[in-house]
Each structure stands twice: as C-alpha cells, then as structure tokens.
C-alpha cells in the first residue's frame, strides 16, 4: 500500500508532530493521516503532496503568499483544505502549519497542555 516515499514523508510528519499531544496516525481516503481526537488535520495525498486542513481565509492567504508551496486543485475549491508541496516546504514552516491545524481541531484539554508549555 504505502511506498518508500510515502513512508518517509509519514515519518517526517510524525517527527514534526511529536510535540503535539494526542496526535494519532490513521488513514483518510486510504492514505496516511494525522488526527487529533479522531479529527483529521493533515493527510498525505501522494508522495509529494499533503492536504492541510485550514480555514478559507487562511488558505487564500497562504496560496497568495507562497504559491510555490501552497496550492489547490478544482477538487479543493470551496473546501477548508489546501495542498502543500512536501518537497518544497521546510520543516520549520511545515511544523508551524501543522501546529495551527492541530490547534483548530484539538479539544481544549489538549490545547491547554501546549499553552502550559512542555510537560515532563
């Protein structure tokens, strides 16, 4: 099912999500996905493309700001999700976008853990 490129990309996403409480690896539309409390916030569309959940205004802003990274196809027009070119986005920006998407989907009790700072 998953090829080496997809597995490598999933490992990258899991590493970048390590500081976010309650992140679960699952599937969405048959591809690897990251969820929090059962809610999708990021999935692998294919070995080179990620689908990030984002509100419409944020989606439009990101596409305008960095079209070499963020884009959409007709399928995603009107939906609160945008596409990211995985090979182009650096880890710092990807981690920031993941954290923002996680925050929008995570329950308050998990968001509070991050707001309170590192645990342990």
Protein backbone atom coordinates (compact mmCIF):
# COMPACT_ATOMS: atom_id res chain seq x y z
CA UNK A 1 0.00 0.00 0.00
CA UNK A 2 2.48 2.66 1.13
CA UNK A 3 5.62 3.13 -0.88
CA UNK A 4 9.01 4.18 0.49
CA UNK A 5 8.47 7.88 -0.34
CA UNK A 6 5.13 7.91 1.47
CA UNK A 7 6.63 6.10 4.45
CA UNK A 8 9.49 8.62 4.58
CA UNK A 9 7.04 11.51 4.40
CA UNK A 10 4.88 10.00 7.14
CA UNK A 11 7.95 9.60 9.36
CA UNK A 12 8.76 13.30 8.78
CA UNK A 13 5.22 14.31 9.74
CA UNK A 14 5.24 12.14 12.84
CA UNK A 15 8.57 13.64 13.91
CA UNK A 16 7.30 17.19 13.41
CA UNK A 17 4.07 16.40 15.30
CA UNK A 18 5.89 14.85 18.28
CA UNK A 19 5.28 17.91 20.50
CA UNK A 20 1.54 17.97 19.85
CA UNK A 21 -0.45 15.99 22.45
CA UNK A 22 -2.96 13.40 21.31
CA UNK A 23 -1.82 13.08 17.70
CA UNK A 24 -2.86 9.76 16.19
CA UNK A 25 -1.70 8.24 12.93
CA UNK A 26 -4.57 6.86 10.92
CA UNK A 27 -5.89 6.98 7.41
CA UNK A 28 -8.13 9.27 5.40
CA UNK A 29 -9.28 8.42 1.88
CA UNK A 30 -6.96 5.43 2.03
CA UNK A 31 -3.80 7.45 2.71
CA UNK A 32 -1.82 8.06 5.92
CA UNK A 33 -3.21 10.88 8.03
CA UNK A 34 -2.62 12.69 11.30
CA UNK A 35 -5.62 13.22 13.53
CA UNK A 36 -6.35 14.60 16.97
CA UNK A 37 -9.36 13.33 18.94
CA UNK A 38 -10.39 11.50 15.77
CA UNK A 39 -10.41 14.69 13.70
CA UNK A 40 -8.27 14.97 10.58
CA UNK A 41 -5.84 17.88 10.42
CA UNK A 42 -3.29 16.66 7.85
CA UNK A 43 -3.04 13.80 5.40
CA UNK A 44 -0.73 12.56 2.69
CA UNK A 45 -2.43 12.83 -0.70
CA UNK A 46 0.51 11.26 -2.53
CA UNK A 47 4.28 11.02 -2.04
CA UNK A 48 4.74 14.69 -2.98
CA UNK A 49 1.55 16.33 -1.74
CA UNK A 50 -0.02 16.97 1.65
CA UNK A 51 -3.59 18.04 2.39
CA UNK A 52 -3.72 20.51 5.29
CA UNK A 53 -7.00 21.49 6.91
CA UNK A 54 -7.22 25.29 7.01
CA UNK A 55 -9.99 27.88 7.15
CA UNK A 56 -10.83 29.52 3.83
CA UNK A 57 -9.27 32.91 4.67
CA UNK A 58 -6.03 31.26 5.82
CA UNK A 59 -6.00 29.05 2.73
CA UNK A 60 -6.32 32.01 0.38
CA UNK A 61 -3.63 33.96 2.26
CA UNK A 62 -1.14 31.09 2.14
CA UNK A 63 -1.70 30.40 -1.55
CA UNK A 64 -1.17 34.08 -2.32
CA UNK A 65 1.86 34.32 -0.01
CA UNK A 66 3.74 31.23 -1.29
CA UNK A 67 2.21 29.65 -4.41
CA UNK A 68 5.35 27.55 -4.86
CA UNK A 69 4.38 25.70 -1.66
CA UNK A 70 0.61 26.08 -1.27
CA UNK A 71 -1.96 25.46 -3.98
CA UNK A 72 -5.32 23.90 -4.69
CA UNK A 73 -6.96 21.95 -7.44
CA UNK A 74 -10.56 22.31 -8.56
CA UNK A 75 -11.45 19.42 -6.22
CA UNK A 76 -10.46 21.51 -3.17
CA UNK A 77 -12.06 24.82 -4.22
CA UNK A 78 -14.62 25.85 -1.62
CA UNK A 79 -13.30 23.38 0.98
CA UNK A 80 -11.29 24.28 4.09
CA UNK A 81 -8.24 22.33 2.93
CA UNK A 82 -5.22 23.22 0.85
CA UNK A 83 -2.43 21.33 -0.84
CA UNK A 84 1.24 21.60 0.13
CA UNK A 85 4.21 20.56 -1.96
CA UNK A 86 6.06 18.40 0.57
CA UNK A 87 9.48 18.67 -1.09
CA UNK A 88 9.38 22.49 -1.11
CA UNK A 89 8.18 23.33 2.40
CA UNK A 90 10.89 23.35 5.08
CA UNK A 91 10.43 21.62 8.41
CA UNK A 92 10.01 24.85 10.38
CA UNK A 93 7.15 26.14 8.27
CA UNK A 94 5.54 22.72 7.98
CA UNK A 95 5.68 22.28 11.74
CA UNK A 96 4.07 25.70 12.23
CA UNK A 97 1.25 24.90 9.78
CA UNK A 98 0.72 21.52 11.41
CA UNK A 99 0.52 23.10 14.87
CA UNK A 100 -2.04 25.65 13.66
CA UNK A 101 -4.18 22.93 12.04
CA UNK A 102 -3.85 20.75 15.17
CA UNK A 103 -4.91 23.67 17.39
CA UNK A 104 -8.09 24.20 15.34
CA UNK A 105 -9.09 20.52 15.73
CA UNK A 106 -7.80 19.63 19.20
CA UNK A 107 -10.11 19.65 22.21
CA UNK A 108 -9.50 22.36 24.82
CA UNK A 109 -7.90 19.93 27.30
CA UNK A 110 -5.15 19.10 24.76
CA UNK A 111 -4.70 22.71 23.63
CA UNK A 112 -4.19 23.64 27.28
CA UNK A 113 -1.26 21.21 27.55
CA UNK A 114 0.54 23.09 24.79
CA UNK A 115 -0.40 26.51 26.20
CA UNK A 116 1.03 25.48 29.57
CA UNK A 117 4.35 24.61 27.96
CA UNK A 118 6.29 21.38 27.85
CA UNK A 119 5.24 18.65 30.23
CA UNK A 120 7.52 16.21 31.98
